Amino acid sequence: MSESLHAIFERDCCVAFRRLVDVYGFAEPVIEPLGHESFVRYLKGKREVSISYEPGASPLVELFYPSSETGERPTPWAEKDGIQRSRRFPRLQVAEPFSEKNPTSFARYLDASAKALERVEPAFLK
């Protein structure tokens, strides 16, 4: 039996975003399947980098942080441990093509996404 697309995403995501742990001090990733989606979450204090995948779409990177840090409106469902959090989508420019028909594209796309995150969000990651 061949490996599922979710399993490929989870494995390749953990490899591509490993620097969050090794360089930036985020905790080991938490992998969470939820319905048709898979999430790989990296936590550092009250901040979170979440990478998700749902069949039919390319992987998505989201950032979660306490609303009190920015005064932004909290995202109601994003509260964690009693702390209201906001979320945003970093503006990652990823030129690497992604295709579910070519599972090897997961690794390349996720690697390019991780590198783009480091370029555009250094303050968030520190």
PDB file of N, CA and C in Angstrom:
ATOM      1  N   MET A   1       0.848  -1.185   0.000  1.00  0.00           N
ATOM      2  CA  MET A   1       0.000   0.000   0.000  1.00  0.00           C
ATOM      3  C   MET A   1       0.891   1.244   0.000  1.00  0.00           C
ATOM      4  N   SER A   2       0.556   2.212  -0.820  1.00  0.00           N
ATOM      5  CA  SER A   2       1.374   3.417  -0.894  1.00  0.00           C
ATOM      6  C   SER A   2       1.057   4.366   0.259  1.00  0.00           C
ATOM      7  N   GLU A   3       2.001   5.220   0.533  1.00  0.00           N
ATOM      8  CA  GLU A   3       1.881   6.182   1.618  1.00  0.00           C
ATOM      9  C   GLU A   3       0.794   7.212   1.284  1.00  0.00           C
ATOM     10  N   SER A   4      -0.015   7.588   2.274  1.00  0.00           N
ATOM     11  CA  SER A   4      -1.080   8.565   2.041  1.00  0.00           C
ATOM     12  C   SER A   4      -0.482   9.950   1.846  1.00  0.00           C
ATOM     13  N   LEU A   5      -1.236  10.825   1.186  1.00  0.00           N
ATOM     14  CA  LEU A   5      -0.775  12.196   0.987  1.00  0.00           C
ATOM     15  C   LEU A   5      -0.596  12.911   2.327  1.00  0.00           C
ATOM     16  N   HIS A   6      -1.454  12.600   3.295  1.00  0.00           N
ATOM     17  CA  HIS A   6      -1.320  13.203   4.623  1.00  0.00           C
ATOM     18  C   HIS A   6      -0.009  12.774   5.278  1.00  0.00           C
ATOM     19  N   ALA A   7       0.329  11.505   5.167  1.00  0.00           N
ATOM     20  CA  ALA A   7       1.578  11.014   5.759  1.00  0.00           C
ATOM     21  C   ALA A   7       2.787  11.653   5.078  1.00  0.00           C
ATOM     22  N   ILE A   8       2.729  11.815   3.757  1.00  0.00           N
ATOM     23  CA  ILE A   8       3.816  12.467   3.019  1.00  0.00           C
ATOM     24  C   ILE A   8       3.951  13.910   3.493  1.00  0.00           C
ATOM     25  N   PHE A   9       2.816  14.618   3.599  1.00  0.00           N
ATOM     26  CA  PHE A   9       2.840  16.001   4.075  1.00  0.00           C
ATOM     27  C   PHE A   9       3.467  16.087   5.460  1.00  0.00           C
ATOM     28  N   GLU A  10       3.006  15.268   6.377  1.00  0.00           N
ATOM     29  CA  GLU A  10       3.489  15.320   7.759  1.00  0.00           C
ATOM     30  C   GLU A  10       4.995  15.067   7.831  1.00  0.00           C
ATOM     31  N   ARG A  11       5.463  14.051   7.142  1.00  0.00           N
ATOM     32  CA  ARG A  11       6.888  13.721   7.148  1.00  0.00           C
ATOM     33  C   ARG A  11       7.716  14.853   6.540  1.00  0.00           C
ATOM     34  N   ASP A  12       7.318  15.295   5.347  1.00  0.00           N
ATOM     35  CA  ASP A  12       8.089  16.318   4.649  1.00  0.00           C
ATOM     36  C   ASP A  12       8.021  17.667   5.358  1.00  0.00           C
ATOM     37  N   CYS A  13       6.912  17.954   6.005  1.00  0.00           N
ATOM     38  CA  CYS A  13       6.766  19.201   6.753  1.00  0.00           C
ATOM     39  C   CYS A  13       7.721  19.208   7.946  1.00  0.00           C
ATOM     40  N   CYS A  14       7.797  18.109   8.657  1.00  0.00           N
ATOM     41  CA  CYS A  14       8.692  18.027   9.822  1.00  0.00           C
ATOM     42  C   CYS A  14      10.152  18.195   9.414  1.00  0.00           C
ATOM     43  N   VAL A  15      10.515  17.701   8.250  1.00  0.00           N
ATOM     44  CA  VAL A  15      11.884  17.861   7.748  1.00  0.00           C
ATOM     45  C   VAL A  15      12.112  19.319   7.333  1.00  0.00           C
ATOM     46  N   ALA A  16      11.201  19.876   6.548  1.00  0.00           N
ATOM     47  CA  ALA A  16      11.380  21.225   6.008  1.00  0.00           C
ATOM     48  C   ALA A  16      11.415  22.290   7.094  1.00  0.00           C
ATOM     49  N   PHE A  17      10.589  22.135   8.112  1.00  0.00           N
ATOM     50  CA  PHE A  17      10.478  23.156   9.157  1.00  0.00           C
ATOM     51  C   PHE A  17      11.316  22.822  10.396  1.00  0.00           C
ATOM     52  N   ARG A  18      12.220  21.883  10.295  1.00  0.00           N
ATOM     53  CA  ARG A  18      13.048  21.459  11.425  1.00  0.00           C
ATOM     54  C   ARG A  18      13.815  22.618  12.057  1.00  0.00           C
ATOM     55  N   ARG A  19      14.183  23.600  11.269  1.00  0.00           N
ATOM     56  CA  ARG A  19      14.941  24.746  11.796  1.00  0.00           C
ATOM     57  C   ARG A  19      14.145  25.524  12.842  1.00  0.00           C
ATOM     58  N   LEU A  20      12.821  25.415  12.822  1.00  0.00           N
ATOM     59  CA  LEU A  20      12.046  26.075  13.870  1.00  0.00           C
ATOM     60  C   LEU A  20      12.457  25.550  15.240  1.00  0.00           C
ATOM     61  N   VAL A  21      12.742  24.274  15.314  1.00  0.00           N
ATOM     62  CA  VAL A  21      13.167  23.635  16.565  1.00  0.00           C
ATOM     63  C   VAL A  21      14.654  23.888  16.805  1.00  0.00           C
ATOM     64  N   ASP A  22      15.465  23.556  15.818  1.00  0.00           N
ATOM     65  CA  ASP A  22      16.917  23.574  15.988  1.00  0.00           C
ATOM     66  C   ASP A  22      17.514  24.982  16.101  1.00  0.00           C
ATOM     67  N   VAL A  23      16.963  25.934  15.388  1.00  0.00           N
ATOM     68  CA  VAL A  23      17.534  27.284  15.342  1.00  0.00           C
ATOM     69  C   VAL A  23      16.744  28.278  16.182  1.00  0.00           C
ATOM     70  N   TYR A  24      15.420  28.187  16.137  1.00  0.00           N
ATOM     71  CA  TYR A  24      14.582  29.216  16.752  1.00  0.00           C
ATOM     72  C   TYR A  24      13.986  28.830  18.104  1.00  0.00           C
ATOM     73  N   GLY A  25      14.200  27.598  18.538  1.00  0.00           N
ATOM     74  CA  GLY A  25      13.772  27.197  19.868  1.00  0.00           C
ATOM     75  C   GLY A  25      12.310  26.827  20.023  1.00  0.00           C
ATOM     76  N   PHE A  26      11.628  26.534  18.948  1.00  0.00           N
ATOM     77  CA  PHE A  26      10.253  26.048  19.051  1.00  0.00           C
ATOM     78  C   PHE A  26      10.283  24.610  19.557  1.00  0.00           C
ATOM     79  N   ALA A  27       9.188  24.179  20.158  1.00  0.00           N
ATOM     80  CA  ALA A  27       9.079  22.799  20.636  1.00  0.00           C
ATOM     81  C   ALA A  27       8.962  21.847  19.444  1.00  0.00           C
ATOM     82  N   GLU A  28       9.223  20.579  19.713  1.00  0.00           N
ATOM     83  CA  GLU A  28       9.045  19.552  18.683  1.00  0.00           C
ATOM     84  C   GLU A  28       7.625  19.669  18.115  1.00  0.00           C
ATOM     85  N   PRO A  29       7.445  19.350  16.844  1.00  0.00           N
ATOM     86  CA  PRO A  29       6.125  19.530  16.228  1.00  0.00           C
ATOM     87  C   PRO A  29       5.073  18.594  16.820  1.00  0.00           C
ATOM     88  N   VAL A  30       3.859  19.113  16.853  1.00  0.00           N
ATOM     89  CA  VAL A  30       2.690  18.328  17.234  1.00  0.00           C
ATOM     90  C   VAL A  30       1.917  18.090  15.948  1.00  0.00           C
ATOM     91  N   ILE A  31       1.688  16.833  15.632  1.00  0.00           N
ATOM     92  CA  ILE A  31       0.956  16.481  14.410  1.00  0.00           C
ATOM     93  C   ILE A  31      -0.464  16.150  14.808  1.00  0.00           C
ATOM     94  N   GLU A  32      -1.403  16.810  14.138  1.00  0.00           N
ATOM     95  CA  GLU A  32      -2.803  16.660  14.511  1.00  0.00           C
ATOM     96  C   GLU A  32      -3.685  16.513  13.270  1.00  0.00           C
ATOM     97  N   PRO A  33      -4.174  15.305  13.025  1.00  0.00           N
ATOM     98  CA  PRO A  33      -5.163  15.159  11.955  1.00  0.00           C
ATOM     99  C   PRO A  33      -6.518  15.661  12.467  1.00  0.00           C
ATOM    100  N   LEU A  34      -7.217  16.403  11.639  1.00  0.00           N
ATOM    101  CA  LEU A  34      -8.511  16.939  12.031  1.00  0.00           C
ATOM    102  C   LEU A  34      -9.415  16.921  10.804  1.00  0.00           C
ATOM    103  N   GLY A  35     -10.326  15.975  10.771  1.00  0.00           N
ATOM    104  CA  GLY A  35     -11.195  15.838   9.596  1.00  0.00           C
ATOM    105  C   GLY A  35     -10.374  15.488   8.371  1.00  0.00           C
ATOM    106  N   HIS A  36     -10.555  16.263   7.314  1.00  0.00           N
ATOM    107  CA  HIS A  36      -9.814  16.036   6.066  1.00  0.00           C
ATOM    108  C   HIS A  36      -8.446  16.711   6.075  1.00  0.00           C
ATOM    109  N   GLU A  37      -8.163  17.463   7.127  1.00  0.00           N
ATOM    110  CA  GLU A  37      -6.915  18.220   7.189  1.00  0.00           C
ATOM    111  C   GLU A  37      -5.904  17.561   8.121  1.00  0.00           C
ATOM    112  N   SER A  38      -4.653  17.903   7.890  1.00  0.00           N
ATOM    113  CA  SER A  38      -3.566  17.548   8.804  1.00  0.00           C
ATOM    114  C   SER A  38      -2.863  18.837   9.181  1.00  0.00           C
ATOM    115  N   PHE A  39      -2.517  18.942  10.452  1.00  0.00           N
ATOM    116  CA  PHE A  39      -1.815  20.113  10.954  1.00  0.00           C
ATOM    117  C   PHE A  39      -0.494  19.680  11.570  1.00  0.00           C
ATOM    118  N   VAL A  40       0.547  20.459  11.317  1.00  0.00           N
ATOM    119  CA  VAL A  40       1.823  20.300  11.991  1.00  0.00           C
ATOM    120  C   VAL A  40       2.041  21.629  12.698  1.00  0.00           C
ATOM    121  N   ARG A  41       2.073  21.582  14.034  1.00  0.00           N
ATOM    122  CA  ARG A  41       2.126  22.804  14.831  1.00  0.00           C
ATOM    123  C   ARG A  41       3.431  22.881  15.624  1.00  0.00           C
ATOM    124  N   TYR A  42       4.007  24.066  15.608  1.00  0.00           N
ATOM    125  CA  TYR A  42       5.224  24.346  16.359  1.00  0.00           C
ATOM    126  C   TYR A  42       4.909  25.438  17.363  1.00  0.00           C
ATOM    127  N   LEU A  43       5.152  25.180  18.633  1.00  0.00           N
ATOM    128  CA  LEU A  43       4.858  26.139  19.698  1.00  0.00           C
ATOM    129  C   LEU A  43       6.143  26.678  20.313  1.00  0.00           C
ATOM    130  N   LYS A  44       6.100  27.954  20.640  1.00  0.00           N
ATOM    131  CA  LYS A  44       7.197  28.611  21.354  1.00  0.00           C
ATOM    132  C   LYS A  44       6.550  29.641  22.271  1.00  0.00           C
ATOM    133  N   GLY A  45       6.487  29.299  23.537  1.00  0.00           N
ATOM    134  CA  GLY A  45       5.775  30.177  24.461  1.00  0.00           C
ATOM    135  C   GLY A  45       4.309  30.272  24.058  1.00  0.00           C
ATOM    136  N   LYS A  46       3.868  31.481  23.824  1.00  0.00           N
ATOM    137  CA  LYS A  46       2.462  31.706  23.445  1.00  0.00           C
ATOM    138  C   LYS A  46       2.282  31.869  21.943  1.00  0.00           C
ATOM    139  N   ARG A  47       3.350  31.645  21.196  1.00  0.00           N
ATOM    140  CA  ARG A  47       3.300  31.780  19.736  1.00  0.00           C
ATOM    141  C   ARG A  47       3.271  30.407  19.078  1.00  0.00           C
ATOM    142  N   GLU A  48       2.694  30.382  17.892  1.00  0.00           N
ATOM    143  CA  GLU A  48       2.569  29.110  17.178  1.00  0.00           C
ATOM    144  C   GLU A  48       2.723  29.331  15.684  1.00  0.00           C
ATOM    145  N   VAL A  49       3.460  28.421  15.047  1.00  0.00           N
ATOM    146  CA  VAL A  49       3.500  28.321  13.595  1.00  0.00           C
ATOM    147  C   VAL A  49       2.740  27.049  13.268  1.00  0.00           C
ATOM    148  N   SER A  50       1.712  27.180  12.463  1.00  0.00           N
ATOM    149  CA  SER A  50       0.880  26.037  12.085  1.00  0.00           C
ATOM    150  C   SER A  50       0.933  25.867  10.573  1.00  0.00           C
ATOM    151  N   ILE A  51       1.258  24.660  10.135  1.00  0.00           N
ATOM    152  CA  ILE A  51       1.263  24.347   8.714  1.00  0.00           C
ATOM    153  C   ILE A  51       0.191  23.283   8.510  1.00  0.00           C
ATOM    154  N   SER A  52      -0.715  23.544   7.592  1.00  0.00           N
ATOM    155  CA  SER A  52      -1.822  22.608   7.385  1.00  0.00           C
ATOM    156  C   SER A  52      -1.888  22.175   5.928  1.00  0.00           C
ATOM    157  N   TYR A  53      -2.505  21.030   5.744  1.00  0.00           N
ATOM    158  CA  TYR A  53      -2.711  20.490   4.400  1.00  0.00           C
ATOM    159  C   TYR A  53      -4.095  19.867   4.333  1.00  0.00           C
ATOM    160  N   GLU A  54      -4.797  20.199   3.284  1.00  0.00           N
ATOM    161  CA  GLU A  54      -6.101  19.605   2.984  1.00  0.00           C
ATOM    162  C   GLU A  54      -6.070  19.199   1.522  1.00  0.00           C
ATOM    163  N   PRO A  55      -6.474  17.969   1.209  1.00  0.00           N
ATOM    164  CA  PRO A  55      -6.460  17.542  -0.187  1.00  0.00           C
ATOM    165  C   PRO A  55      -7.193  18.553  -1.084  1.00  0.00           C
ATOM    166  N   GLY A  56      -6.569  18.836  -2.209  1.00  0.00           N
ATOM    167  CA  GLY A  56      -7.136  19.788  -3.161  1.00  0.00           C
ATOM    168  C   GLY A  56      -6.541  21.179  -3.035  1.00  0.00           C
ATOM    169  N   ALA A  57      -5.677  21.386  -2.041  1.00  0.00           N
ATOM    170  CA  ALA A  57      -5.061  22.701  -1.839  1.00  0.00           C
ATOM    171  C   ALA A  57      -3.599  22.523  -1.469  1.00  0.00           C
ATOM    172  N   SER A  58      -2.821  23.558  -1.703  1.00  0.00           N
ATOM    173  CA  SER A  58      -1.417  23.501  -1.298  1.00  0.00           C
ATOM    174  C   SER A  58      -1.317  23.739   0.205  1.00  0.00           C
ATOM    175  N   PRO A  59      -0.255  23.286   0.842  1.00  0.00           N
ATOM    176  CA  PRO A  59      -0.067  23.517   2.274  1.00  0.00           C
ATOM    177  C   PRO A  59      -0.098  25.005   2.609  1.00  0.00           C
ATOM    178  N   LEU A  60      -0.583  25.299   3.800  1.00  0.00           N
ATOM    179  CA  LEU A  60      -0.818  26.673   4.235  1.00  0.00           C
ATOM    180  C   LEU A  60      -0.106  26.928   5.560  1.00  0.00           C
ATOM    181  N   VAL A  61       0.560  28.067   5.670  1.00  0.00           N
ATOM    182  CA  VAL A  61       1.264  28.450   6.892  1.00  0.00           C
ATOM    183  C   VAL A  61       0.474  29.568   7.573  1.00  0.00           C
ATOM    184  N   GLU A  62       0.228  29.398   8.881  1.00  0.00           N
ATOM    185  CA  GLU A  62      -0.471  30.404   9.673  1.00  0.00           C
ATOM    186  C   GLU A  62       0.345  30.695  10.928  1.00  0.00           C
ATOM    187  N   LEU A  63       0.241  31.912  11.418  1.00  0.00           N
ATOM    188  CA  LEU A  63       0.900  32.315  12.650  1.00  0.00           C
ATOM    189  C   LEU A  63      -0.154  32.697  13.675  1.00  0.00           C
ATOM    190  N   PHE A  64       0.017  32.213  14.903  1.00  0.00           N
ATOM    191  CA  PHE A  64      -0.890  32.537  16.008  1.00  0.00           C
ATOM    192  C   PHE A  64      -0.076  33.183  17.122  1.00  0.00           C
ATOM    193  N   TYR A  65      -0.643  34.202  17.774  1.00  0.00           N
ATOM    194  CA  TYR A  65       0.069  34.949  18.801  1.00  0.00           C
ATOM    195  C   TYR A  65      -0.946  35.649  19.689  1.00  0.00           C
ATOM    196  N   PRO A  66      -0.578  35.979  20.920  1.00  0.00           N
ATOM    197  CA  PRO A  66      -1.511  36.652  21.822  1.00  0.00           C
ATOM    198  C   PRO A  66      -1.986  37.989  21.233  1.00  0.00           C
ATOM    199  N   SER A  67      -3.267  38.187  21.242  1.00  0.00           N
ATOM    200  CA  SER A  67      -3.836  39.433  20.721  1.00  0.00           C
ATOM    201  C   SER A  67      -3.323  40.643  21.487  1.00  0.00           C
ATOM    202  N   SER A  68      -3.013  40.440  22.758  1.00  0.00           N
ATOM    203  CA  SER A  68      -2.544  41.552  23.589  1.00  0.00           C
ATOM    204  C   SER A  68      -1.203  42.108  23.114  1.00  0.00           C
ATOM    205  N   GLU A  69      -0.430  41.324  22.359  1.00  0.00           N
ATOM    206  CA  GLU A  69       0.872  41.792  21.859  1.00  0.00           C
ATOM    207  C   GLU A  69       0.719  42.883  20.810  1.00  0.00           C
ATOM    208  N   THR A  70      -0.375  42.841  20.086  1.00  0.00           N
ATOM    209  CA  THR A  70      -0.538  43.750  18.951  1.00  0.00           C
ATOM    210  C   THR A  70      -1.785  44.623  19.041  1.00  0.00           C
ATOM    211  N   GLY A  71      -2.701  44.264  19.923  1.00  0.00           N
ATOM    212  CA  GLY A  71      -3.964  44.981  19.985  1.00  0.00           C
ATOM    213  C   GLY A  71      -4.922  44.576  18.874  1.00  0.00           C
ATOM    214  N   GLU A  72      -4.560  43.558  18.118  1.00  0.00           N
ATOM    215  CA  GLU A  72      -5.420  43.080  17.039  1.00  0.00           C
ATOM    216  C   GLU A  72      -6.627  42.350  17.615  1.00  0.00           C
ATOM    217  N   ARG A  73      -7.639  42.278  16.819  1.00  0.00           N
ATOM    218  CA  ARG A  73      -8.850  41.564  17.215  1.00  0.00           C
ATOM    219  C   ARG A  73      -8.549  40.074  17.345  1.00  0.00           C
ATOM    220  N   PRO A  74      -8.975  39.455  18.452  1.00  0.00           N
ATOM    221  CA  PRO A  74      -8.715  38.019  18.607  1.00  0.00           C
ATOM    222  C   PRO A  74      -9.543  37.178  17.632  1.00  0.00           C
ATOM    223  N   THR A  75      -8.992  36.048  17.280  1.00  0.00           N
ATOM    224  CA  THR A  75      -9.715  35.058  16.485  1.00  0.00           C
ATOM    225  C   THR A  75     -10.408  34.149  17.497  1.00  0.00           C
ATOM    226  N   PRO A  76     -11.761  34.162  17.551  1.00  0.00           N
ATOM    227  CA  PRO A  76     -12.477  33.476  18.639  1.00  0.00           C
ATOM    228  C   PRO A  76     -12.081  32.017  18.861  1.00  0.00           C
ATOM    229  N   TRP A  77     -11.932  31.237  17.823  1.00  0.00           N
ATOM    230  CA  TRP A  77     -11.638  29.817  17.979  1.00  0.00           C
ATOM    231  C   TRP A  77     -10.159  29.549  18.239  1.00  0.00           C
ATOM    232  N   ALA A  78      -9.306  30.582  18.206  1.00  0.00           N
ATOM    233  CA  ALA A  78      -7.862  30.385  18.348  1.00  0.00           C
ATOM    234  C   ALA A  78      -7.376  30.524  19.789  1.00  0.00           C
ATOM    235  N   GLU A  79      -8.280  30.733  20.734  1.00  0.00           N
ATOM    236  CA  GLU A  79      -7.874  30.858  22.136  1.00  0.00           C
ATOM    237  C   GLU A  79      -7.158  29.584  22.579  1.00  0.00           C
ATOM    238  N   LYS A  80      -6.103  29.766  23.359  1.00  0.00           N
ATOM    239  CA  LYS A  80      -5.353  28.601  23.848  1.00  0.00           C
ATOM    240  C   LYS A  80      -4.935  28.873  25.287  1.00  0.00           C
ATOM    241  N   ASP A  81      -5.225  27.948  26.152  1.00  0.00           N
ATOM    242  CA  ASP A  81      -4.872  28.060  27.573  1.00  0.00           C
ATOM    243  C   ASP A  81      -5.368  29.369  28.182  1.00  0.00           C
ATOM    244  N   GLY A  82      -6.565  29.781  27.775  1.00  0.00           N
ATOM    245  CA  GLY A  82      -7.180  30.988  28.314  1.00  0.00           C
ATOM    246  C   GLY A  82      -6.631  32.287  27.744  1.00  0.00           C
ATOM    247  N   ILE A  83      -5.759  32.195  26.764  1.00  0.00           N
ATOM    248  CA  ILE A  83      -5.163  33.388  26.154  1.00  0.00           C
ATOM    249  C   ILE A  83      -5.799  33.611  24.786  1.00  0.00           C
ATOM    250  N   GLN A  84      -6.342  34.809  24.609  1.00  0.00           N
ATOM    251  CA  GLN A  84      -6.914  35.151  23.314  1.00  0.00           C
ATOM    252  C   GLN A  84      -5.787  35.365  22.316  1.00  0.00           C
ATOM    253  N   ARG A  85      -5.947  34.724  21.151  1.00  0.00           N
ATOM    254  CA  ARG A  85      -4.898  34.823  20.141  1.00  0.00           C
ATOM    255  C   ARG A  85      -5.472  35.348  18.828  1.00  0.00           C
ATOM    256  N   SER A  86      -4.605  35.987  18.083  1.00  0.00           N
ATOM    257  CA  SER A  86      -4.917  36.424  16.724  1.00  0.00           C
ATOM    258  C   SER A  86      -4.176  35.503  15.778  1.00  0.00           C
ATOM    259  N   ARG A  87      -4.583  35.522  14.532  1.00  0.00           N
ATOM    260  CA  ARG A  87      -3.858  34.728  13.543  1.00  0.00           C
ATOM    261  C   ARG A  87      -3.668  35.565  12.298  1.00  0.00           C
ATOM    262  N   ARG A  88      -2.605  35.221  11.595  1.00  0.00           N
ATOM    263  CA  ARG A  88      -2.381  35.852  10.302  1.00  0.00           C
ATOM    264  C   ARG A  88      -1.639  34.887   9.396  1.00  0.00           C
ATOM    265  N   PHE A  89      -1.760  35.177   8.132  1.00  0.00           N
ATOM    266  CA  PHE A  89      -1.098  34.381   7.111  1.00  0.00           C
ATOM    267  C   PHE A  89       0.115  35.164   6.627  1.00  0.00           C
ATOM    268  N   PRO A  90       1.327  34.678   6.870  1.00  0.00           N
ATOM    269  CA  PRO A  90       2.496  35.412   6.381  1.00  0.00           C
ATOM    270  C   PRO A  90       2.498  35.440   4.854  1.00  0.00           C
ATOM    271  N   ARG A  91       3.013  36.504   4.319  1.00  0.00           N
ATOM    272  CA  ARG A  91       3.058  36.659   2.854  1.00  0.00           C
ATOM    273  C   ARG A  91       4.280  35.934   2.300  1.00  0.00           C
ATOM    274  N   LEU A  92       4.117  34.646   2.132  1.00  0.00           N
ATOM    275  CA  LEU A  92       5.209  33.818   1.625  1.00  0.00           C
ATOM    276  C   LEU A  92       5.106  33.747   0.107  1.00  0.00           C
ATOM    277  N   GLN A  93       6.164  34.103  -0.548  1.00  0.00           N
ATOM    278  CA  GLN A  93       6.196  33.968  -1.999  1.00  0.00           C
ATOM    279  C   GLN A  93       6.975  32.704  -2.320  1.00  0.00           C
ATOM    280  N   VAL A  94       6.233  31.691  -2.750  1.00  0.00           N
ATOM    281  CA  VAL A  94       6.832  30.387  -3.028  1.00  0.00           C
ATOM    282  C   VAL A  94       6.683  30.107  -4.516  1.00  0.00           C
ATOM    283  N   ALA A  95       7.799  30.090  -5.212  1.00  0.00           N
ATOM    284  CA  ALA A  95       7.776  29.862  -6.662  1.00  0.00           C
ATOM    285  C   ALA A  95       7.767  28.372  -7.004  1.00  0.00           C
ATOM    286  N   GLU A  96       8.069  27.527  -6.017  1.00  0.00           N
ATOM    287  CA  GLU A  96       8.124  26.081  -6.245  1.00  0.00           C
ATOM    288  C   GLU A  96       6.714  25.558  -6.518  1.00  0.00           C
ATOM    289  N   PRO A  97       6.497  24.865  -7.630  1.00  0.00           N
ATOM    290  CA  PRO A  97       5.148  24.339  -7.915  1.00  0.00           C
ATOM    291  C   PRO A  97       4.767  23.213  -6.956  1.00  0.00           C
ATOM    292  N   PHE A  98       3.482  23.120  -6.686  1.00  0.00           N
ATOM    293  CA  PHE A  98       2.953  22.070  -5.823  1.00  0.00           C
ATOM    294  C   PHE A  98       1.909  21.289  -6.602  1.00  0.00           C
ATOM    295  N   SER A  99       1.997  19.970  -6.551  1.00  0.00           N
ATOM    296  CA  SER A  99       1.025  19.115  -7.225  1.00  0.00           C
ATOM    297  C   SER A  99       0.839  17.834  -6.432  1.00  0.00           C
ATOM    298  N   GLU A 100      -0.395  17.571  -6.045  1.00  0.00           N
ATOM    299  CA  GLU A 100      -0.680  16.326  -5.329  1.00  0.00           C
ATOM    300  C   GLU A 100      -0.414  15.107  -6.207  1.00  0.00           C
ATOM    301  N   LYS A 101      -0.473  15.294  -7.528  1.00  0.00           N
ATOM    302  CA  LYS A 101      -0.226  14.187  -8.447  1.00  0.00           C
ATOM    303  C   LYS A 101       1.241  13.783  -8.443  1.00  0.00           C
ATOM    304  N   ASN A 102       2.093  14.669  -7.933  1.00  0.00           N
ATOM    305  CA  ASN A 102       3.520  14.393  -7.838  1.00  0.00           C
ATOM    306  C   ASN A 102       3.932  14.557  -6.373  1.00  0.00           C
ATOM    307  N   PRO A 103       3.794  13.504  -5.573  1.00  0.00           N
ATOM    308  CA  PRO A 103       4.082  13.609  -4.136  1.00  0.00           C
ATOM    309  C   PRO A 103       5.477  14.110  -3.801  1.00  0.00           C
ATOM    310  N   THR A 104       6.433  13.992  -4.726  1.00  0.00           N
ATOM    311  CA  THR A 104       7.760  14.526  -4.437  1.00  0.00           C
ATOM    312  C   THR A 104       7.748  16.057  -4.391  1.00  0.00           C
ATOM    313  N   SER A 105       6.689  16.664  -4.910  1.00  0.00           N
ATOM    314  CA  SER A 105       6.610  18.131  -4.860  1.00  0.00           C
ATOM    315  C   SER A 105       6.348  18.634  -3.442  1.00  0.00           C
ATOM    316  N   PHE A 106       5.809  17.781  -2.566  1.00  0.00           N
ATOM    317  CA  PHE A 106       5.559  18.191  -1.182  1.00  0.00           C
ATOM    318  C   PHE A 106       6.855  18.690  -0.532  1.00  0.00           C
ATOM    319  N   ALA A 107       7.918  17.898  -0.630  1.00  0.00           N
ATOM    320  CA  ALA A 107       9.181  18.241   0.022  1.00  0.00           C
ATOM    321  C   ALA A 107       9.722  19.557  -0.513  1.00  0.00           C
ATOM    322  N   ARG A 108       9.723  19.725  -1.822  1.00  0.00           N
ATOM    323  CA  ARG A 108      10.260  20.951  -2.416  1.00  0.00           C
ATOM    324  C   ARG A 108       9.414  22.164  -2.034  1.00  0.00           C
ATOM    325  N   TYR A 109       8.099  22.031  -2.098  1.00  0.00           N
ATOM    326  CA  TYR A 109       7.206  23.144  -1.770  1.00  0.00           C
ATOM    327  C   TYR A 109       7.329  23.534  -0.292  1.00  0.00           C
ATOM    328  N   LEU A 110       7.345  22.545   0.591  1.00  0.00           N
ATOM    329  CA  LEU A 110       7.445  22.823   2.021  1.00  0.00           C
ATOM    330  C   LEU A 110       8.807  23.407   2.378  1.00  0.00           C
ATOM    331  N   ASP A 111       9.863  22.935   1.742  1.00  0.00           N
ATOM    332  CA  ASP A 111      11.191  23.494   1.979  1.00  0.00           C
ATOM    333  C   ASP A 111      11.229  24.960   1.550  1.00  0.00           C
ATOM    334  N   ALA A 112      10.669  25.263   0.396  1.00  0.00           N
ATOM    335  CA  ALA A 112      10.625  26.655  -0.076  1.00  0.00           C
ATOM    336  C   ALA A 112       9.766  27.510   0.853  1.00  0.00           C
ATOM    337  N   SER A 113       8.690  26.951   1.377  1.00  0.00           N
ATOM    338  CA  SER A 113       7.825  27.679   2.314  1.00  0.00           C
ATOM    339  C   SER A 113       8.569  27.985   3.606  1.00  0.00           C
ATOM    340  N   ALA A 114       9.314  27.011   4.120  1.00  0.00           N
ATOM    341  CA  ALA A 114      10.067  27.214   5.362  1.00  0.00           C
ATOM    342  C   ALA A 114      11.137  28.287   5.176  1.00  0.00           C
ATOM    343  N   LYS A 115      11.821  28.265   4.053  1.00  0.00           N
ATOM    344  CA  LYS A 115      12.842  29.281   3.786  1.00  0.00           C
ATOM    345  C   LYS A 115      12.207  30.662   3.644  1.00  0.00           C
ATOM    346  N   ALA A 116      11.057  30.729   2.989  1.00  0.00           N
ATOM    347  CA  ALA A 116      10.351  32.007   2.835  1.00  0.00           C
ATOM    348  C   ALA A 116       9.899  32.527   4.198  1.00  0.00           C
ATOM    349  N   LEU A 117       9.435  31.635   5.062  1.00  0.00           N
ATOM    350  CA  LEU A 117       9.016  32.051   6.405  1.00  0.00           C
ATOM    351  C   LEU A 117      10.190  32.684   7.148  1.00  0.00           C
ATOM    352  N   GLU A 118      11.353  32.100   7.056  1.00  0.00           N
ATOM    353  CA  GLU A 118      12.533  32.669   7.717  1.00  0.00           C
ATOM    354  C   GLU A 118      12.878  34.048   7.162  1.00  0.00           C
ATOM    355  N   ARG A 119      12.684  34.228   5.861  1.00  0.00           N
ATOM    356  CA  ARG A 119      12.994  35.521   5.239  1.00  0.00           C
ATOM    357  C   ARG A 119      12.019  36.614   5.654  1.00  0.00           C
ATOM    358  N   VAL A 120      10.728  36.292   5.693  1.00  0.00           N
ATOM    359  CA  VAL A 120       9.720  37.350   5.889  1.00  0.00           C
ATOM    360  C   VAL A 120       9.271  37.520   7.342  1.00  0.00           C
ATOM    361  N   GLU A 121       9.589  36.578   8.221  1.00  0.00           N
ATOM    362  CA  GLU A 121       9.117  36.648   9.611  1.00  0.00           C
ATOM    363  C   GLU A 121      10.226  36.468  10.652  1.00  0.00           C
ATOM    364  N   PRO A 122      11.387  37.070  10.452  1.00  0.00           N
ATOM    365  CA  PRO A 122      12.458  36.850  11.428  1.00  0.00           C
ATOM    366  C   PRO A 122      12.085  37.302  12.834  1.00  0.00           C
ATOM    367  N   ALA A 123      11.371  38.396  12.966  1.00  0.00           N
ATOM    368  CA  ALA A 123      11.008  38.898  14.295  1.00  0.00           C
ATOM    369  C   ALA A 123      10.050  37.946  14.996  1.00  0.00           C
ATOM    370  N   PHE A 124       9.121  37.363  14.270  1.00  0.00           N
ATOM    371  CA  PHE A 124       8.165  36.428  14.857  1.00  0.00           C
ATOM    372  C   PHE A 124       8.873  35.165  15.339  1.00  0.00           C
ATOM    373  N   LEU A 125       9.846  34.710  14.592  1.00  0.00           N
ATOM    374  CA  LEU A 125      10.521  33.446  14.908  1.00  0.00           C
ATOM    375  C   LEU A 125      11.491  33.566  16.071  1.00  0.00           C
ATOM    376  N   LYS A 126      12.020  34.772  16.330  1.00  0.00           N
ATOM    377  CA  LYS A 126      13.023  34.947  17.397  1.00  0.00           C
ATOM    378  C   LYS A 126      12.445  34.890  18.771  1.00  0.00           C
TER     379      LYS A 126
END
